[in-house]
Amino acid sequence: MSSAYHPETDGQTEVINRCLEGYLRCFASDHPKNWAVWIHWAEFWYNSTFHVSIGKTPFEVVYGRPPPTLIKFLSNETKVAAVAVELTERDEALKQLKLHLLKAQEQMTSYANKKRRDLSFDV
């Protein structure tokens, strides 16, 4: 438990905030001033991600079933313009997120491989 002026005393909250911050950076890296738009996606990501400590996703703990999967939006699925815009933006955001995550993964691989060396053993 932490007090209002000392949130750093709550380690679990700090870990969650660090995870959400990293996720929001991936989402909002192209438009950093719009980070608040992506909070609901960060929440969905966190609640639908498997947690080793509980052996399932937080969504499963609360609702007793796996979280719904996101399917790609097809433009002829709705006649409501606002829904079409929202789902098109969602698909574009997820596409951008995947690109950013792949780029970050490539950078991590590159950094890790810099310190590696080939070893051979004579048996």
N, C-alpha and C. Protein backbone atom coordinates (compact mmCIF):
# COMPACT_ATOMS: atom_id res chain seq x y z
N MET A 1 0.85 -1.17 0.00
CA MET A 1 0.00 0.00 0.00
C MET A 1 0.89 1.23 0.00
N SER A 2 0.48 2.26 -0.71
CA SER A 2 1.28 3.48 -0.77
C SER A 2 0.42 4.68 -0.41
N SER A 3 1.10 5.74 -0.02
CA SER A 3 0.38 6.96 0.31
C SER A 3 0.28 7.85 -0.92
N ALA A 4 -0.51 8.87 -0.83
CA ALA A 4 -0.77 9.75 -1.98
C ALA A 4 0.50 10.43 -2.48
N TYR A 5 1.41 10.77 -1.59
CA TYR A 5 2.59 11.52 -1.99
C TYR A 5 3.83 10.66 -2.14
N HIS A 6 3.71 9.36 -1.93
CA HIS A 6 4.84 8.44 -2.08
C HIS A 6 4.43 7.18 -2.82
N PRO A 7 4.04 7.32 -4.10
CA PRO A 7 3.60 6.13 -4.84
C PRO A 7 4.73 5.15 -5.12
N GLU A 8 5.98 5.60 -5.00
CA GLU A 8 7.10 4.70 -5.26
C GLU A 8 7.21 3.59 -4.22
N THR A 9 6.48 3.69 -3.13
CA THR A 9 6.54 2.65 -2.10
C THR A 9 5.77 1.41 -2.52
N ASP A 10 4.94 1.53 -3.53
CA ASP A 10 4.15 0.41 -3.99
C ASP A 10 4.81 -0.18 -5.24
N GLY A 11 5.61 -1.21 -5.06
CA GLY A 11 6.38 -1.80 -6.15
C GLY A 11 5.54 -2.35 -7.28
N GLN A 12 4.42 -2.98 -6.95
CA GLN A 12 3.58 -3.57 -7.99
C GLN A 12 3.02 -2.48 -8.90
N THR A 13 2.59 -1.39 -8.32
CA THR A 13 2.07 -0.27 -9.12
C THR A 13 3.16 0.29 -10.02
N GLU A 14 4.37 0.39 -9.49
CA GLU A 14 5.49 0.89 -10.29
C GLU A 14 5.76 -0.01 -11.48
N VAL A 15 5.71 -1.31 -11.29
CA VAL A 15 5.95 -2.25 -12.38
C VAL A 15 4.87 -2.12 -13.45
N ILE A 16 3.63 -2.06 -13.04
CA ILE A 16 2.52 -1.92 -13.99
C ILE A 16 2.64 -0.60 -14.74
N ASN A 17 2.93 0.47 -14.03
CA ASN A 17 3.08 1.77 -14.69
C ASN A 17 4.22 1.76 -15.70
N ARG A 18 5.32 1.09 -15.37
CA ARG A 18 6.45 0.99 -16.29
C ARG A 18 6.06 0.22 -17.55
N CYS A 19 5.31 -0.87 -17.38
CA CYS A 19 4.83 -1.65 -18.53
C CYS A 19 3.91 -0.82 -19.40
N LEU A 20 2.96 -0.14 -18.78
CA LEU A 20 2.01 0.67 -19.54
C LEU A 20 2.71 1.84 -20.24
N GLU A 21 3.70 2.41 -19.58
CA GLU A 21 4.45 3.51 -20.19
C GLU A 21 5.18 3.03 -21.44
N GLY A 22 5.82 1.87 -21.35
CA GLY A 22 6.51 1.32 -22.51
C GLY A 22 5.56 1.03 -23.65
N TYR A 23 4.41 0.48 -23.32
CA TYR A 23 3.41 0.18 -24.34
C TYR A 23 2.90 1.46 -24.99
N LEU A 24 2.61 2.47 -24.18
CA LEU A 24 2.13 3.74 -24.73
C LEU A 24 3.19 4.40 -25.60
N ARG A 25 4.45 4.22 -25.26
CA ARG A 25 5.51 4.78 -26.10
C ARG A 25 5.50 4.15 -27.48
N CYS A 26 5.25 2.85 -27.54
CA CYS A 26 5.16 2.18 -28.84
C CYS A 26 3.98 2.69 -29.64
N PHE A 27 2.86 2.89 -28.98
CA PHE A 27 1.66 3.36 -29.67
C PHE A 27 1.80 4.81 -30.11
N ALA A 28 2.29 5.65 -29.24
CA ALA A 28 2.25 7.09 -29.49
C ALA A 28 3.57 7.66 -29.98
N SER A 29 4.51 6.84 -30.38
CA SER A 29 5.82 7.36 -30.77
C SER A 29 5.74 8.29 -31.98
N ASP A 30 4.81 8.04 -32.89
CA ASP A 30 4.66 8.92 -34.05
C ASP A 30 3.95 10.22 -33.70
N HIS A 31 3.07 10.18 -32.73
CA HIS A 31 2.29 11.36 -32.32
C HIS A 31 2.27 11.43 -30.79
N PRO A 32 3.37 11.85 -30.18
CA PRO A 32 3.47 11.80 -28.71
C PRO A 32 2.45 12.65 -27.97
N LYS A 33 1.93 13.69 -28.59
CA LYS A 33 0.94 14.53 -27.89
C LYS A 33 -0.41 13.84 -27.78
N ASN A 34 -0.62 12.77 -28.53
CA ASN A 34 -1.90 12.05 -28.52
C ASN A 34 -1.84 10.78 -27.68
N TRP A 35 -0.94 10.70 -26.73
CA TRP A 35 -0.76 9.46 -25.96
C TRP A 35 -2.03 9.07 -25.20
N ALA A 36 -2.81 10.05 -24.76
CA ALA A 36 -4.00 9.73 -23.96
C ALA A 36 -5.06 8.99 -24.77
N VAL A 37 -5.02 9.14 -26.09
CA VAL A 37 -5.98 8.45 -26.96
C VAL A 37 -5.79 6.94 -26.87
N TRP A 38 -4.57 6.51 -26.55
CA TRP A 38 -4.23 5.09 -26.60
C TRP A 38 -4.32 4.38 -25.26
N ILE A 39 -4.75 5.08 -24.22
CA ILE A 39 -4.81 4.45 -22.90
C ILE A 39 -5.74 3.24 -22.88
N HIS A 40 -6.87 3.32 -23.55
CA HIS A 40 -7.79 2.17 -23.53
C HIS A 40 -7.18 0.96 -24.21
N TRP A 41 -6.31 1.16 -25.22
CA TRP A 41 -5.63 0.02 -25.85
C TRP A 41 -4.56 -0.54 -24.92
N ALA A 42 -3.89 0.33 -24.19
CA ALA A 42 -2.90 -0.14 -23.22
C ALA A 42 -3.58 -0.96 -22.13
N GLU A 43 -4.75 -0.52 -21.70
CA GLU A 43 -5.51 -1.27 -20.70
C GLU A 43 -5.92 -2.63 -21.24
N PHE A 44 -6.40 -2.67 -22.48
CA PHE A 44 -6.79 -3.95 -23.10
C PHE A 44 -5.58 -4.87 -23.20
N TRP A 45 -4.44 -4.31 -23.63
CA TRP A 45 -3.22 -5.12 -23.74
C TRP A 45 -2.85 -5.72 -22.39
N TYR A 46 -2.83 -4.89 -21.35
CA TYR A 46 -2.44 -5.39 -20.04
C TYR A 46 -3.40 -6.47 -19.55
N ASN A 47 -4.69 -6.24 -19.70
CA ASN A 47 -5.69 -7.19 -19.20
C ASN A 47 -5.80 -8.46 -20.02
N SER A 48 -5.28 -8.45 -21.25
CA SER A 48 -5.36 -9.64 -22.09
C SER A 48 -4.01 -10.34 -22.25
N THR A 49 -3.00 -9.90 -21.51
CA THR A 49 -1.68 -10.51 -21.54
C THR A 49 -1.55 -11.54 -20.43
N PHE A 50 -0.98 -12.69 -20.76
CA PHE A 50 -0.79 -13.76 -19.77
C PHE A 50 0.18 -13.30 -18.69
N HIS A 51 -0.19 -13.54 -17.43
CA HIS A 51 0.66 -13.19 -16.29
C HIS A 51 1.07 -14.48 -15.59
N VAL A 52 2.36 -14.70 -15.49
CA VAL A 52 2.88 -15.92 -14.88
C VAL A 52 2.45 -16.02 -13.42
N SER A 53 2.41 -14.90 -12.72
CA SER A 53 2.09 -14.93 -11.29
C SER A 53 0.70 -15.48 -10.99
N ILE A 54 -0.26 -15.27 -11.89
CA ILE A 54 -1.62 -15.76 -11.66
C ILE A 54 -1.98 -16.92 -12.58
N GLY A 55 -1.12 -17.21 -13.54
CA GLY A 55 -1.34 -18.35 -14.43
C GLY A 55 -2.39 -18.13 -15.50
N LYS A 56 -2.82 -16.90 -15.68
CA LYS A 56 -3.80 -16.56 -16.72
C LYS A 56 -3.80 -15.06 -16.93
N THR A 57 -4.68 -14.59 -17.77
CA THR A 57 -4.78 -13.15 -17.98
C THR A 57 -5.68 -12.53 -16.91
N PRO A 58 -5.48 -11.25 -16.59
CA PRO A 58 -6.40 -10.59 -15.65
C PRO A 58 -7.85 -10.64 -16.14
N PHE A 59 -8.06 -10.58 -17.44
CA PHE A 59 -9.40 -10.68 -18.00
C PHE A 59 -10.04 -12.01 -17.61
N GLU A 60 -9.27 -13.11 -17.72
CA GLU A 60 -9.79 -14.43 -17.35
C GLU A 60 -10.10 -14.52 -15.87
N VAL A 61 -9.29 -13.87 -15.05
CA VAL A 61 -9.53 -13.90 -13.60
C VAL A 61 -10.86 -13.22 -13.28
N VAL A 62 -11.13 -12.09 -13.92
CA VAL A 62 -12.35 -11.34 -13.64
C VAL A 62 -13.58 -11.96 -14.27
N TYR A 63 -13.48 -12.36 -15.54
CA TYR A 63 -14.67 -12.81 -16.27
C TYR A 63 -14.78 -14.32 -16.44
N GLY A 64 -13.75 -15.06 -16.10
CA GLY A 64 -13.81 -16.51 -16.17
C GLY A 64 -13.74 -17.08 -17.58
N ARG A 65 -13.33 -16.28 -18.54
CA ARG A 65 -13.17 -16.74 -19.92
C ARG A 65 -12.03 -15.96 -20.57
N PRO A 66 -11.49 -16.50 -21.66
CA PRO A 66 -10.40 -15.77 -22.33
C PRO A 66 -10.89 -14.45 -22.93
N PRO A 67 -10.00 -13.49 -23.08
CA PRO A 67 -10.41 -12.21 -23.68
C PRO A 67 -10.78 -12.39 -25.15
N PRO A 68 -11.64 -11.54 -25.66
CA PRO A 68 -12.02 -11.66 -27.08
C PRO A 68 -10.84 -11.33 -27.98
N THR A 69 -10.79 -11.99 -29.12
CA THR A 69 -9.74 -11.69 -30.08
C THR A 69 -10.19 -10.54 -30.98
N LEU A 70 -9.24 -9.76 -31.42
CA LEU A 70 -9.55 -8.65 -32.31
C LEU A 70 -9.47 -9.13 -33.74
N ILE A 71 -10.54 -8.96 -34.47
CA ILE A 71 -10.53 -9.37 -35.87
C ILE A 71 -10.41 -8.13 -36.75
N LYS A 72 -9.83 -8.33 -37.91
CA LYS A 72 -9.63 -7.22 -38.84
C LYS A 72 -10.98 -6.71 -39.34
N PHE A 73 -11.10 -5.41 -39.40
CA PHE A 73 -12.34 -4.77 -39.84
C PHE A 73 -12.42 -4.77 -41.36
N LEU A 74 -13.54 -5.17 -41.89
CA LEU A 74 -13.81 -5.08 -43.33
C LEU A 74 -14.78 -3.94 -43.55
N SER A 75 -14.49 -3.08 -44.51
CA SER A 75 -15.24 -1.83 -44.68
C SER A 75 -16.73 -2.01 -44.93
N ASN A 76 -17.15 -3.16 -45.42
CA ASN A 76 -18.57 -3.35 -45.70
C ASN A 76 -19.34 -3.98 -44.53
N GLU A 77 -18.72 -4.09 -43.37
CA GLU A 77 -19.36 -4.74 -42.23
C GLU A 77 -20.35 -3.85 -41.49
N THR A 78 -20.26 -2.55 -41.67
CA THR A 78 -21.17 -1.64 -40.97
C THR A 78 -21.58 -0.49 -41.88
N LYS A 79 -22.77 0.02 -41.63
CA LYS A 79 -23.25 1.18 -42.37
C LYS A 79 -23.17 2.44 -41.52
N VAL A 80 -22.72 2.30 -40.28
CA VAL A 80 -22.59 3.44 -39.38
C VAL A 80 -21.20 4.04 -39.58
N ALA A 81 -21.17 5.27 -40.04
CA ALA A 81 -19.90 5.91 -40.40
C ALA A 81 -18.95 6.03 -39.20
N ALA A 82 -19.47 6.38 -38.04
CA ALA A 82 -18.61 6.54 -36.86
C ALA A 82 -17.95 5.23 -36.47
N VAL A 83 -18.67 4.14 -36.58
CA VAL A 83 -18.11 2.82 -36.26
C VAL A 83 -17.03 2.46 -37.28
N ALA A 84 -17.31 2.72 -38.55
CA ALA A 84 -16.33 2.43 -39.60
C ALA A 84 -15.04 3.21 -39.38
N VAL A 85 -15.16 4.48 -39.03
CA VAL A 85 -13.98 5.31 -38.78
C VAL A 85 -13.20 4.78 -37.58
N GLU A 86 -13.90 4.48 -36.50
CA GLU A 86 -13.25 3.99 -35.28
C GLU A 86 -12.51 2.68 -35.53
N LEU A 87 -13.14 1.76 -36.23
CA LEU A 87 -12.51 0.46 -36.48
C LEU A 87 -11.37 0.56 -37.50
N THR A 88 -11.50 1.45 -38.46
CA THR A 88 -10.41 1.67 -39.41
C THR A 88 -9.20 2.26 -38.69
N GLU A 89 -9.44 3.23 -37.81
CA GLU A 89 -8.35 3.81 -37.02
C GLU A 89 -7.72 2.76 -36.11
N ARG A 90 -8.54 1.89 -35.54
CA ARG A 90 -8.02 0.82 -34.69
C ARG A 90 -7.09 -0.08 -35.47
N ASP A 91 -7.52 -0.51 -36.65
CA ASP A 91 -6.68 -1.39 -37.46
C ASP A 91 -5.37 -0.72 -37.86
N GLU A 92 -5.44 0.56 -38.20
CA GLU A 92 -4.22 1.29 -38.57
C GLU A 92 -3.30 1.42 -37.36
N ALA A 93 -3.87 1.70 -36.20
CA ALA A 93 -3.05 1.82 -34.98
C ALA A 93 -2.38 0.49 -34.65
N LEU A 94 -3.10 -0.60 -34.77
CA LEU A 94 -2.51 -1.92 -34.49
C LEU A 94 -1.42 -2.25 -35.50
N LYS A 95 -1.61 -1.85 -36.74
CA LYS A 95 -0.59 -2.06 -37.77
C LYS A 95 0.68 -1.28 -37.42
N GLN A 96 0.52 -0.01 -37.02
CA GLN A 96 1.66 0.81 -36.63
C GLN A 96 2.34 0.24 -35.39
N LEU A 97 1.56 -0.23 -34.44
CA LEU A 97 2.12 -0.82 -33.23
C LEU A 97 2.98 -2.03 -33.57
N LYS A 98 2.49 -2.89 -34.44
CA LYS A 98 3.28 -4.06 -34.84
C LYS A 98 4.60 -3.65 -35.47
N LEU A 99 4.56 -2.61 -36.32
CA LEU A 99 5.80 -2.13 -36.94
C LEU A 99 6.78 -1.61 -35.90
N HIS A 100 6.28 -0.84 -34.93
CA HIS A 100 7.14 -0.31 -33.88
C HIS A 100 7.72 -1.43 -33.01
N LEU A 101 6.90 -2.41 -32.69
CA LEU A 101 7.39 -3.52 -31.87
C LEU A 101 8.43 -4.35 -32.62
N LEU A 102 8.22 -4.56 -33.92
CA LEU A 102 9.22 -5.28 -34.71
C LEU A 102 10.53 -4.50 -34.78
N LYS A 103 10.44 -3.18 -34.94
CA LYS A 103 11.63 -2.34 -34.97
C LYS A 103 12.38 -2.43 -33.63
N ALA A 104 11.65 -2.35 -32.53
CA ALA A 104 12.26 -2.45 -31.21
C ALA A 104 12.90 -3.81 -31.01
N GLN A 105 12.24 -4.86 -31.49
CA GLN A 105 12.78 -6.21 -31.36
C GLN A 105 14.07 -6.35 -32.17
N GLU A 106 14.10 -5.78 -33.36
CA GLU A 106 15.30 -5.82 -34.18
C GLU A 106 16.46 -5.09 -33.50
N GLN A 107 16.16 -3.94 -32.89
CA GLN A 107 17.20 -3.19 -32.18
C GLN A 107 17.73 -3.99 -30.99
N MET A 108 16.84 -4.63 -30.24
CA MET A 108 17.28 -5.43 -29.10
C MET A 108 18.14 -6.60 -29.56
N THR A 109 17.75 -7.23 -30.66
CA THR A 109 18.53 -8.34 -31.21
C THR A 109 19.90 -7.85 -31.64
N SER A 110 19.93 -6.70 -32.29
CA SER A 110 21.20 -6.13 -32.74
C SER A 110 22.12 -5.84 -31.55
N TYR A 111 21.59 -5.23 -30.50
CA TYR A 111 22.40 -4.93 -29.32
C TYR A 111 22.88 -6.21 -28.64
N ALA A 112 22.03 -7.20 -28.56
CA ALA A 112 22.42 -8.46 -27.91
C ALA A 112 23.48 -9.19 -28.72
N ASN A 113 23.37 -9.15 -30.04
CA ASN A 113 24.33 -9.86 -30.88
C ASN A 113 25.69 -9.19 -30.94
N LYS A 114 25.78 -7.91 -30.60
CA LYS A 114 27.07 -7.22 -30.60
C LYS A 114 28.04 -7.84 -29.60
N LYS A 115 27.53 -8.33 -28.50
CA LYS A 115 28.39 -8.87 -27.44
C LYS A 115 28.57 -10.38 -27.54
N ARG A 116 27.91 -10.99 -28.48
CA ARG A 116 28.02 -12.44 -28.64
C ARG A 116 29.21 -12.78 -29.51
N ARG A 117 29.76 -13.95 -29.27
CA ARG A 117 30.85 -14.44 -30.11
C ARG A 117 30.65 -15.92 -30.34
N ASP A 118 31.14 -16.37 -31.47
CA ASP A 118 31.03 -17.78 -31.80
C ASP A 118 32.04 -18.58 -30.99
N LEU A 119 31.58 -19.63 -30.38
CA LEU A 119 32.46 -20.52 -29.63
C LEU A 119 32.36 -21.91 -30.22
N SER A 120 33.49 -22.56 -30.30
CA SER A 120 33.49 -23.96 -30.74
C SER A 120 34.27 -24.76 -29.71
N PHE A 121 33.78 -25.94 -29.44
CA PHE A 121 34.39 -26.80 -28.45
C PHE A 121 34.87 -28.08 -29.11
N ASP A 122 36.07 -28.50 -28.77
CA ASP A 122 36.59 -29.78 -29.26
C ASP A 122 36.24 -30.85 -28.24
N VAL A 123 35.56 -31.86 -28.71
CA VAL A 123 35.15 -32.94 -27.82
C VAL A 123 35.89 -34.19 -28.17
